[in-house]
Amino acid sequence: MVGSLGQGLCPKGSQRVIDQNECSDDAANALGKAFGGSACYGISSLGCSDNGAAIYYNSCVGTLMALNHGPVCTFKQVALAGGSADPETSKKSSSSPDTNSKVIFVAGSIAQDLCPRGLQRVTDKEECSGLAASSLGKPFGGAGCYEMSSVGCLENGASVFYNTCVGNKTGSYHAPICTTQTEAALLVDNASEWNFGGRVNTVVGIILWCIIALVLLCLSVIPLYCLYAGLHRICNPNIEDGEDEELHEVWVRAVKT
């Protein structure tokens, strides 16, 4: 996964890819991008980085962090529901048809609502209070209207909470709880496209998308109708003139009688 742009640190629960071979091979292949090489780039820490187009390995410690660079991070798998954190066991589990044994959760950047690229927001309350809280090793503080501008799971450093409302801003100590888009996570709930990334619930999101579709339909129909009317007028210039003449004759006969 790629961390937040303009930052050198990975989200909590993940770690920076600092091995050059892992960066050029595994990380680049996993992100579907080409490896651009190893050199001293505009990033303030050693390790693997992503500038949006390709993957690079930064070999020096710079003074500034380029706004288009993000750290490439990886996870240590968290065992849940009877799973194991051992790499060999994880490898075997990933090849089995049971996809409900492992889900990985991390906290995103504080004071932000959006999850880093490659992750999705936890928007299910039960998943937030159960799997997410236990995997992060923090107690669940409850559900309520907290200082965050989107609906979904969050943490404040000490506990995990579920925000039920859309606030005006996100607190400087609040971070979204995110999950990897593994097969198991996708089977749990993948409604982020419908609920605008967790900013509203799914039902409201569907209604908003229908309204947007209706507006776009109207905006496309009106120009087509105007074009049709114009072409019809150009191709049939005498239609309205003939109607005017008939009306004039009727009016003249009415006056004479």
C-alpha atoms as a PDB file:
ATOM      1  CA  MET A   1       0.000   0.000   0.000  1.00  0.00           C
ATOM      2  CA  VAL A   2       1.000   3.639  -0.397  1.00  0.00           C
ATOM      3  CA  GLY A   3       0.859   5.999   2.572  1.00  0.00           C
ATOM      4  CA  SER A   4      -0.299   9.602   2.521  1.00  0.00           C
ATOM      5  CA  LEU A   5       1.331  11.879  -0.043  1.00  0.00           C
ATOM      6  CA  GLY A   6       3.845  14.370   1.299  1.00  0.00           C
ATOM      7  CA  GLN A   7       4.637  12.203   4.333  1.00  0.00           C
ATOM      8  CA  GLY A   8       7.505   9.855   5.078  1.00  0.00           C
ATOM      9  CA  LEU A   9       5.788   7.840   7.793  1.00  0.00           C
ATOM     10  CA  CYS A  10       3.500   4.871   7.209  1.00  0.00           C
ATOM     11  CA  PRO A  11       0.052   4.621   8.854  1.00  0.00           C
ATOM     12  CA  LYS A  12      -0.104   2.921  12.230  1.00  0.00           C
ATOM     13  CA  GLY A  13      -0.196  -0.837  11.861  1.00  0.00           C
ATOM     14  CA  SER A  14       2.022  -0.833   8.768  1.00  0.00           C
ATOM     15  CA  GLN A  15       5.744  -0.522   8.235  1.00  0.00           C
ATOM     16  CA  ARG A  16       7.939   1.099   5.598  1.00  0.00           C
ATOM     17  CA  VAL A  17       9.476  -1.076   2.891  1.00  0.00           C
ATOM     18  CA  ILE A  18      13.206  -0.437   3.372  1.00  0.00           C
ATOM     19  CA  ASP A  19      14.658  -3.394   1.474  1.00  0.00           C
ATOM     20  CA  GLN A  20      15.579  -2.366  -2.081  1.00  0.00           C
ATOM     21  CA  ASN A  21      14.935  -5.792  -3.597  1.00  0.00           C
ATOM     22  CA  GLU A  22      11.527  -5.999  -1.946  1.00  0.00           C
ATOM     23  CA  CYS A  23      10.805  -2.501  -3.235  1.00  0.00           C
ATOM     24  CA  SER A  24      11.804  -3.206  -6.834  1.00  0.00           C
ATOM     25  CA  ASP A  25      10.146  -6.623  -7.042  1.00  0.00           C
ATOM     26  CA  ASP A  26       7.351  -7.432  -4.585  1.00  0.00           C
ATOM     27  CA  ALA A  27       6.134  -3.895  -3.881  1.00  0.00           C
ATOM     28  CA  ALA A  28       6.241  -2.738  -7.509  1.00  0.00           C
ATOM     29  CA  ASN A  29       4.438  -5.865  -8.711  1.00  0.00           C
ATOM     30  CA  ALA A  30       1.797  -5.627  -5.968  1.00  0.00           C
ATOM     31  CA  LEU A  31       1.038  -2.004  -6.882  1.00  0.00           C
ATOM     32  CA  GLY A  32       1.125  -2.748 -10.615  1.00  0.00           C
ATOM     33  CA  LYS A  33       3.764  -0.125 -11.356  1.00  0.00           C
ATOM     34  CA  ALA A  34       7.208  -0.094 -12.912  1.00  0.00           C
ATOM     35  CA  PHE A  35      10.333   0.308 -10.796  1.00  0.00           C
ATOM     36  CA  GLY A  36      12.051   3.567 -11.731  1.00  0.00           C
ATOM     37  CA  GLY A  37      15.377   2.949 -10.036  1.00  0.00           C
ATOM     38  CA  SER A  38      17.341   3.756  -6.901  1.00  0.00           C
ATOM     39  CA  ALA A  39      18.736   7.236  -6.185  1.00  0.00           C
ATOM     40  CA  CYS A  40      18.418  10.257  -3.908  1.00  0.00           C
ATOM     41  CA  TYR A  41      14.875  11.551  -4.443  1.00  0.00           C
ATOM     42  CA  GLY A  42      12.731  14.207  -2.835  1.00  0.00           C
ATOM     43  CA  ILE A  43      11.758  12.243   0.246  1.00  0.00           C
ATOM     44  CA  SER A  44      12.873  12.779   3.842  1.00  0.00           C
ATOM     45  CA  SER A  45      13.510   9.135   4.722  1.00  0.00           C
ATOM     46  CA  LEU A  46      15.192   6.041   3.336  1.00  0.00           C
ATOM     47  CA  GLY A  47      13.082   3.426   1.649  1.00  0.00           C
ATOM     48  CA  CYS A  48      10.541   2.629  -1.016  1.00  0.00           C
ATOM     49  CA  SER A  49       8.419   5.468  -2.407  1.00  0.00           C
ATOM     50  CA  ASP A  50       5.716   6.076  -5.001  1.00  0.00           C
ATOM     51  CA  ASN A  51       5.270   9.261  -7.054  1.00  0.00           C
ATOM     52  CA  GLY A  52       2.005   8.147  -8.652  1.00  0.00           C
ATOM     53  CA  ALA A  53       3.554   6.902 -11.900  1.00  0.00           C
ATOM     54  CA  ALA A  54       6.289   4.532 -10.746  1.00  0.00           C
ATOM     55  CA  ILE A  55       8.026   3.020  -7.724  1.00  0.00           C
ATOM     56  CA  TYR A  56      11.447   4.270  -6.587  1.00  0.00           C
ATOM     57  CA  TYR A  57      13.915   3.516  -3.839  1.00  0.00           C
ATOM     58  CA  ASN A  58      15.219   6.543  -1.992  1.00  0.00           C
ATOM     59  CA  SER A  59      18.830   6.003  -0.922  1.00  0.00           C
ATOM     60  CA  CYS A  60      19.320   9.199   1.105  1.00  0.00           C
ATOM     61  CA  VAL A  61      17.665  11.293   3.793  1.00  0.00           C
ATOM     62  CA  GLY A  62      16.414  14.533   2.290  1.00  0.00           C
ATOM     63  CA  THR A  63      15.411  17.723   4.079  1.00  0.00           C
ATOM     64  CA  LEU A  64      11.972  18.043   2.464  1.00  0.00           C
ATOM     65  CA  MET A  65       9.217  15.705   1.356  1.00  0.00           C
ATOM     66  CA  ALA A  66       7.878  16.154  -2.178  1.00  0.00           C
ATOM     67  CA  LEU A  67       4.106  16.576  -2.265  1.00  0.00           C
ATOM     68  CA  ASN A  68       3.679  13.916  -4.966  1.00  0.00           C
ATOM     69  CA  HIS A  69       5.705  11.262  -3.119  1.00  0.00           C
ATOM     70  CA  GLY A  70       4.210   8.738  -0.735  1.00  0.00           C
ATOM     71  CA  PRO A  71       5.911   5.992   1.292  1.00  0.00           C
ATOM     72  CA  VAL A  72       5.337   2.402   0.193  1.00  0.00           C
ATOM     73  CA  CYS A  73       4.276   0.400   3.241  1.00  0.00           C
ATOM     74  CA  THR A  74       3.536  -3.212   4.101  1.00  0.00           C
ATOM     75  CA  PHE A  75       1.665  -5.009   6.843  1.00  0.00           C
ATOM     76  CA  LYS A  76       2.376  -7.637   9.431  1.00  0.00           C
ATOM     77  CA  GLN A  77      -0.685  -9.838   9.282  1.00  0.00           C
ATOM     78  CA  VAL A  78      -2.899  -9.864  12.344  1.00  0.00           C
ATOM     79  CA  ALA A  79      -4.413 -13.216  13.262  1.00  0.00           C
ATOM     80  CA  LEU A  80      -8.134 -13.133  14.048  1.00  0.00           C
ATOM     81  CA  ALA A  81     -10.874 -15.683  14.595  1.00  0.00           C
ATOM     82  CA  GLY A  82      -8.483 -18.521  15.364  1.00  0.00           C
ATOM     83  CA  GLY A  83      -5.919 -17.587  12.706  1.00  0.00           C
ATOM     84  CA  SER A  84      -2.159 -17.469  13.141  1.00  0.00           C
ATOM     85  CA  ALA A  85       0.326 -14.671  12.581  1.00  0.00           C
ATOM     86  CA  ASP A  86       3.008 -17.129  11.510  1.00  0.00           C
ATOM     87  CA  PRO A  87       4.049 -16.458   7.877  1.00  0.00           C
ATOM     88  CA  GLU A  88       3.847 -20.127   6.874  1.00  0.00           C
ATOM     89  CA  THR A  89       0.404 -20.501   8.424  1.00  0.00           C
ATOM     90  CA  SER A  90      -0.705 -17.278   6.763  1.00  0.00           C
ATOM     91  CA  LYS A  91       0.493 -18.530   3.406  1.00  0.00           C
ATOM     92  CA  LYS A  92      -1.472 -21.754   3.832  1.00  0.00           C
ATOM     93  CA  SER A  93      -4.555 -19.897   5.015  1.00  0.00           C
ATOM     94  CA  SER A  94      -4.492 -17.579   2.022  1.00  0.00           C
ATOM     95  CA  SER A  95      -4.621 -20.547  -0.338  1.00  0.00           C
ATOM     96  CA  SER A  96      -7.600 -22.136   1.418  1.00  0.00           C
ATOM     97  CA  PRO A  97     -11.201 -21.361   0.421  1.00  0.00           C
ATOM     98  CA  ASP A  98     -11.976 -19.992   3.930  1.00  0.00           C
ATOM     99  CA  THR A  99     -11.552 -16.227   3.481  1.00  0.00           C
ATOM    100  CA  ASN A 100     -13.119 -15.197   6.817  1.00  0.00           C
ATOM    101  CA  SER A 101     -10.087 -16.057   8.999  1.00  0.00           C
ATOM    102  CA  LYS A 102      -7.969 -12.960   8.310  1.00  0.00           C
ATOM    103  CA  VAL A 103      -8.733  -9.294   8.004  1.00  0.00           C
ATOM    104  CA  ILE A 104      -6.049  -6.652   8.556  1.00  0.00           C
ATOM    105  CA  PHE A 105      -6.874  -3.281  10.109  1.00  0.00           C
ATOM    106  CA  VAL A 106      -4.780  -0.132  10.430  1.00  0.00           C
ATOM    107  CA  ALA A 107      -5.321   3.469  11.473  1.00  0.00           C
ATOM    108  CA  GLY A 108      -4.916   6.100   8.768  1.00  0.00           C
ATOM    109  CA  SER A 109      -3.372   9.527   9.139  1.00  0.00           C
ATOM    110  CA  ILE A 110      -4.701  11.673  11.972  1.00  0.00           C
ATOM    111  CA  ALA A 111      -6.968  14.628  11.166  1.00  0.00           C
ATOM    112  CA  GLN A 112      -7.963  12.949   7.885  1.00  0.00           C
ATOM    113  CA  ASP A 113     -11.048  10.975   6.852  1.00  0.00           C
ATOM    114  CA  LEU A 114      -9.789   9.242   3.730  1.00  0.00           C
ATOM    115  CA  CYS A 115      -7.815   6.035   3.963  1.00  0.00           C
ATOM    116  CA  PRO A 116      -4.453   5.687   2.187  1.00  0.00           C
ATOM    117  CA  ARG A 117      -4.472   4.256  -1.312  1.00  0.00           C
ATOM    118  CA  GLY A 118      -5.061   0.508  -1.300  1.00  0.00           C
ATOM    119  CA  LEU A 119      -7.220   0.631   1.838  1.00  0.00           C
ATOM    120  CA  GLN A 120     -10.923   1.100   2.469  1.00  0.00           C
ATOM    121  CA  ARG A 121     -12.726   2.716   5.411  1.00  0.00           C
ATOM    122  CA  VAL A 122     -14.416   0.467   7.966  1.00  0.00           C
ATOM    123  CA  THR A 123     -18.057   1.601   7.856  1.00  0.00           C
ATOM    124  CA  ASP A 124     -19.744  -1.376   9.529  1.00  0.00           C
ATOM    125  CA  LYS A 125     -20.402  -0.769  13.241  1.00  0.00           C
ATOM    126  CA  GLU A 126     -20.125  -4.427  14.262  1.00  0.00           C
ATOM    127  CA  GLU A 127     -16.856  -4.837  12.377  1.00  0.00           C
ATOM    128  CA  CYS A 128     -15.551  -1.667  14.028  1.00  0.00           C
ATOM    129  CA  SER A 129     -16.410  -2.694  17.596  1.00  0.00           C
ATOM    130  CA  GLY A 130     -15.298  -6.280  17.123  1.00  0.00           C
ATOM    131  CA  LEU A 131     -12.565  -7.192  14.658  1.00  0.00           C
ATOM    132  CA  ALA A 132     -11.091  -3.709  14.185  1.00  0.00           C
ATOM    133  CA  ALA A 133     -10.835  -2.904  17.897  1.00  0.00           C
ATOM    134  CA  SER A 134      -9.394  -6.311  18.820  1.00  0.00           C
ATOM    135  CA  SER A 135      -6.848  -6.320  15.982  1.00  0.00           C
ATOM    136  CA  LEU A 136      -5.575  -2.878  17.017  1.00  0.00           C
ATOM    137  CA  GLY A 137      -5.455  -3.959  20.666  1.00  0.00           C
ATOM    138  CA  LYS A 138      -7.681  -1.114  21.849  1.00  0.00           C
ATOM    139  CA  PRO A 139     -11.040  -1.043  23.653  1.00  0.00           C
ATOM    140  CA  PHE A 140     -14.184   0.030  21.868  1.00  0.00           C
ATOM    141  CA  GLY A 141     -15.396   3.302  23.338  1.00  0.00           C
ATOM    142  CA  GLY A 142     -18.868   3.249  21.838  1.00  0.00           C
ATOM    143  CA  ALA A 143     -20.871   4.729  18.979  1.00  0.00           C
ATOM    144  CA  GLY A 144     -21.905   8.371  18.846  1.00  0.00           C
ATOM    145  CA  CYS A 145     -21.527  11.691  17.069  1.00  0.00           C
ATOM    146  CA  TYR A 146     -17.824  12.526  17.330  1.00  0.00           C
ATOM    147  CA  GLU A 147     -15.602  15.219  15.833  1.00  0.00           C
ATOM    148  CA  MET A 148     -15.168  13.687  12.391  1.00  0.00           C
ATOM    149  CA  SER A 149     -16.526  14.720   9.011  1.00  0.00           C
ATOM    150  CA  SER A 150     -17.535  11.226   7.888  1.00  0.00           C
ATOM    151  CA  VAL A 151     -19.429   8.210   9.170  1.00  0.00           C
ATOM    152  CA  GLY A 152     -17.353   5.197  10.145  1.00  0.00           C
ATOM    153  CA  CYS A 153     -14.776   3.655  12.430  1.00  0.00           C
ATOM    154  CA  LEU A 154     -12.120   5.890  14.030  1.00  0.00           C
ATOM    155  CA  GLU A 155      -9.547   5.934  16.783  1.00  0.00           C
ATOM    156  CA  ASN A 156      -8.180   8.692  18.999  1.00  0.00           C
ATOM    157  CA  GLY A 157      -4.982   7.005  20.127  1.00  0.00           C
ATOM    158  CA  ALA A 158      -6.478   5.382  23.204  1.00  0.00           C
ATOM    159  CA  SER A 159      -9.702   3.746  22.007  1.00  0.00           C
ATOM    160  CA  VAL A 160     -11.697   2.848  18.925  1.00  0.00           C
ATOM    161  CA  PHE A 161     -15.044   4.564  18.271  1.00  0.00           C
ATOM    162  CA  TYR A 162     -17.780   4.520  15.652  1.00  0.00           C
ATOM    163  CA  ASN A 163     -18.907   7.901  14.344  1.00  0.00           C
ATOM    164  CA  THR A 164     -22.613   8.023  13.454  1.00  0.00           C
ATOM    165  CA  CYS A 165     -22.833  11.547  12.037  1.00  0.00           C
ATOM    166  CA  VAL A 166     -21.191  13.840   9.485  1.00  0.00           C
ATOM    167  CA  GLY A 167     -19.414  16.655  11.327  1.00  0.00           C
ATOM    168  CA  ASN A 168     -18.047  19.947  10.064  1.00  0.00           C
ATOM    169  CA  LYS A 169     -14.417  18.923  10.555  1.00  0.00           C
ATOM    170  CA  THR A 170     -12.183  16.105  11.770  1.00  0.00           C
ATOM    171  CA  GLY A 171     -10.405  16.433  15.093  1.00  0.00           C
ATOM    172  CA  SER A 172      -6.627  16.712  15.023  1.00  0.00           C
ATOM    173  CA  TYR A 173      -6.369  13.565  17.183  1.00  0.00           C
ATOM    174  CA  HIS A 174      -8.844  11.414  15.219  1.00  0.00           C
ATOM    175  CA  ALA A 175      -7.809   8.930  12.543  1.00  0.00           C
ATOM    176  CA  PRO A 176      -9.920   6.670  10.303  1.00  0.00           C
ATOM    177  CA  ILE A 177      -9.772   2.911  10.797  1.00  0.00           C
ATOM    178  CA  CYS A 178      -9.019   1.246   7.479  1.00  0.00           C
ATOM    179  CA  THR A 179      -8.841  -2.308   6.227  1.00  0.00           C
ATOM    180  CA  THR A 180      -6.913  -3.902   3.412  1.00  0.00           C
ATOM    181  CA  GLN A 181      -8.820  -4.797   0.275  1.00  0.00           C
ATOM    182  CA  THR A 182      -8.111  -8.491   0.660  1.00  0.00           C
ATOM    183  CA  GLU A 183     -10.641 -11.043  -0.555  1.00  0.00           C
ATOM    184  CA  ALA A 184     -12.044 -11.379   2.952  1.00  0.00           C
ATOM    185  CA  ALA A 185     -12.443  -7.626   3.382  1.00  0.00           C
ATOM    186  CA  LEU A 186     -14.210  -7.315   0.060  1.00  0.00           C
ATOM    187  CA  LEU A 187     -16.656 -10.039   1.098  1.00  0.00           C
ATOM    188  CA  VAL A 188     -17.471  -8.220   4.358  1.00  0.00           C
ATOM    189  CA  ASP A 189     -18.589  -4.867   2.955  1.00  0.00           C
ATOM    190  CA  ASN A 190     -17.474  -2.894  -0.057  1.00  0.00           C
ATOM    191  CA  ALA A 191     -20.014  -0.088  -0.289  1.00  0.00           C
ATOM    192  CA  SER A 192     -17.534   2.823  -0.297  1.00  0.00           C
ATOM    193  CA  GLU A 193     -18.488   3.807  -3.853  1.00  0.00           C
ATOM    194  CA  TRP A 194     -22.143   4.104  -2.847  1.00  0.00           C
ATOM    195  CA  ASN A 195     -21.617   5.937   0.452  1.00  0.00           C
ATOM    196  CA  PHE A 196     -19.064   8.452  -0.832  1.00  0.00           C
ATOM    197  CA  GLY A 197     -16.164   6.911   1.085  1.00  0.00           C
ATOM    198  CA  GLY A 198     -18.108   6.637   4.337  1.00  0.00           C
ATOM    199  CA  ARG A 199     -19.276  10.253   4.428  1.00  0.00           C
ATOM    200  CA  VAL A 200     -22.940   9.128   4.413  1.00  0.00           C
ATOM    201  CA  ASN A 201     -24.707   5.834   4.997  1.00  0.00           C
ATOM    202  CA  THR A 202     -25.366   3.521   2.064  1.00  0.00           C
ATOM    203  CA  VAL A 203     -29.086   4.324   1.677  1.00  0.00           C
ATOM    204  CA  VAL A 204     -28.471   8.079   1.545  1.00  0.00           C
ATOM    205  CA  GLY A 205     -25.575   7.468  -0.826  1.00  0.00           C
ATOM    206  CA  ILE A 206     -27.771   5.532  -3.261  1.00  0.00           C
ATOM    207  CA  ILE A 207     -30.395   8.310  -3.175  1.00  0.00           C
ATOM    208  CA  LEU A 208     -27.727  10.941  -3.878  1.00  0.00           C
ATOM    209  CA  TRP A 209     -26.343   8.907  -6.787  1.00  0.00           C
ATOM    210  CA  CYS A 210     -29.876   8.618  -8.248  1.00  0.00           C
ATOM    211  CA  ILE A 211     -30.319  12.392  -7.989  1.00  0.00           C
ATOM    212  CA  ILE A 212     -26.958  12.946  -9.670  1.00  0.00           C
ATOM    213  CA  ALA A 213     -27.906  10.529 -12.460  1.00  0.00           C
ATOM    214  CA  LEU A 214     -31.254  12.319 -12.952  1.00  0.00           C
ATOM    215  CA  VAL A 215     -29.578  15.728 -13.162  1.00  0.00           C
ATOM    216  CA  LEU A 216     -27.038  14.435 -15.678  1.00  0.00           C
ATOM    217  CA  LEU A 217     -29.855  12.909 -17.735  1.00  0.00           C
ATOM    218  CA  CYS A 218     -31.716  16.230 -17.830  1.00  0.00           C
ATOM    219  CA  LEU A 219     -28.565  18.103 -18.766  1.00  0.00           C
ATOM    220  CA  SER A 220     -28.008  15.721 -21.661  1.00  0.00           C
ATOM    221  CA  VAL A 221     -31.646  15.692 -22.892  1.00  0.00           C
ATOM    222  CA  ILE A 222     -32.157  19.476 -23.027  1.00  0.00           C
ATOM    223  CA  PRO A 223     -29.324  20.158 -25.528  1.00  0.00           C
ATOM    224  CA  LEU A 224     -30.484  17.224 -27.661  1.00  0.00           C
ATOM    225  CA  TYR A 225     -34.032  18.597 -27.749  1.00  0.00           C
ATOM    226  CA  CYS A 226     -32.791  22.075 -28.705  1.00  0.00           C
ATOM    227  CA  LEU A 227     -30.666  20.542 -31.449  1.00  0.00           C
ATOM    228  CA  TYR A 228     -33.633  18.550 -32.741  1.00  0.00           C
ATOM    229  CA  ALA A 229     -35.897  21.614 -32.733  1.00  0.00           C
ATOM    230  CA  GLY A 230     -33.299  23.663 -34.593  1.00  0.00           C
ATOM    231  CA  LEU A 231     -32.741  21.013 -37.247  1.00  0.00           C
ATOM    232  CA  HIS A 232     -36.482  20.514 -37.626  1.00  0.00           C
ATOM    233  CA  ARG A 233     -36.949  24.241 -38.184  1.00  0.00           C
ATOM    234  CA  ILE A 234     -34.125  24.372 -40.749  1.00  0.00           C
ATOM    235  CA  CYS A 235     -35.368  21.340 -42.671  1.00  0.00           C
ATOM    236  CA  ASN A 236     -39.027  22.448 -42.638  1.00  0.00           C
ATOM    237  CA  PRO A 237     -39.025  26.257 -42.920  1.00  0.00           C
ATOM    238  CA  ASN A 238     -42.547  26.500 -44.413  1.00  0.00           C
ATOM    239  CA  ILE A 239     -44.487  24.596 -41.787  1.00  0.00           C
ATOM    240  CA  GLU A 240     -45.040  27.470 -39.379  1.00  0.00           C
ATOM    241  CA  ASP A 241     -45.507  29.955 -42.272  1.00  0.00           C
ATOM    242  CA  GLY A 242     -48.332  27.813 -43.699  1.00  0.00           C
ATOM    243  CA  GLU A 243     -50.000  27.623 -40.310  1.00  0.00           C
ATOM    244  CA  ASP A 244     -49.817  31.420 -39.989  1.00  0.00           C
ATOM    245  CA  GLU A 245     -51.448  31.890 -43.393  1.00  0.00           C
ATOM    246  CA  GLU A 246     -54.311  29.568 -42.514  1.00  0.00           C
ATOM    247  CA  LEU A 247     -54.927  31.415 -39.250  1.00  0.00           C
ATOM    248  CA  HIS A 248     -54.894  34.730 -41.117  1.00  0.00           C
ATOM    249  CA  GLU A 249     -57.501  33.504 -43.637  1.00  0.00           C
ATOM    250  CA  VAL A 250     -59.744  32.278 -40.824  1.00  0.00           C
ATOM    251  CA  TRP A 251     -59.474  35.656 -39.117  1.00  0.00           C
ATOM    252  CA  VAL A 252     -60.304  37.529 -42.373  1.00  0.00           C
ATOM    253  CA  ARG A 253     -63.415  35.384 -43.006  1.00  0.00           C
ATOM    254  CA  ALA A 254     -64.547  35.924 -39.442  1.00  0.00           C
ATOM    255  CA  VAL A 255     -64.250  39.700 -39.829  1.00  0.00           C
ATOM    256  CA  LYS A 256     -66.234  39.724 -43.128  1.00  0.00           C
ATOM    257  CA  THR A 257     -69.062  37.759 -41.622  1.00  0.00           C
END
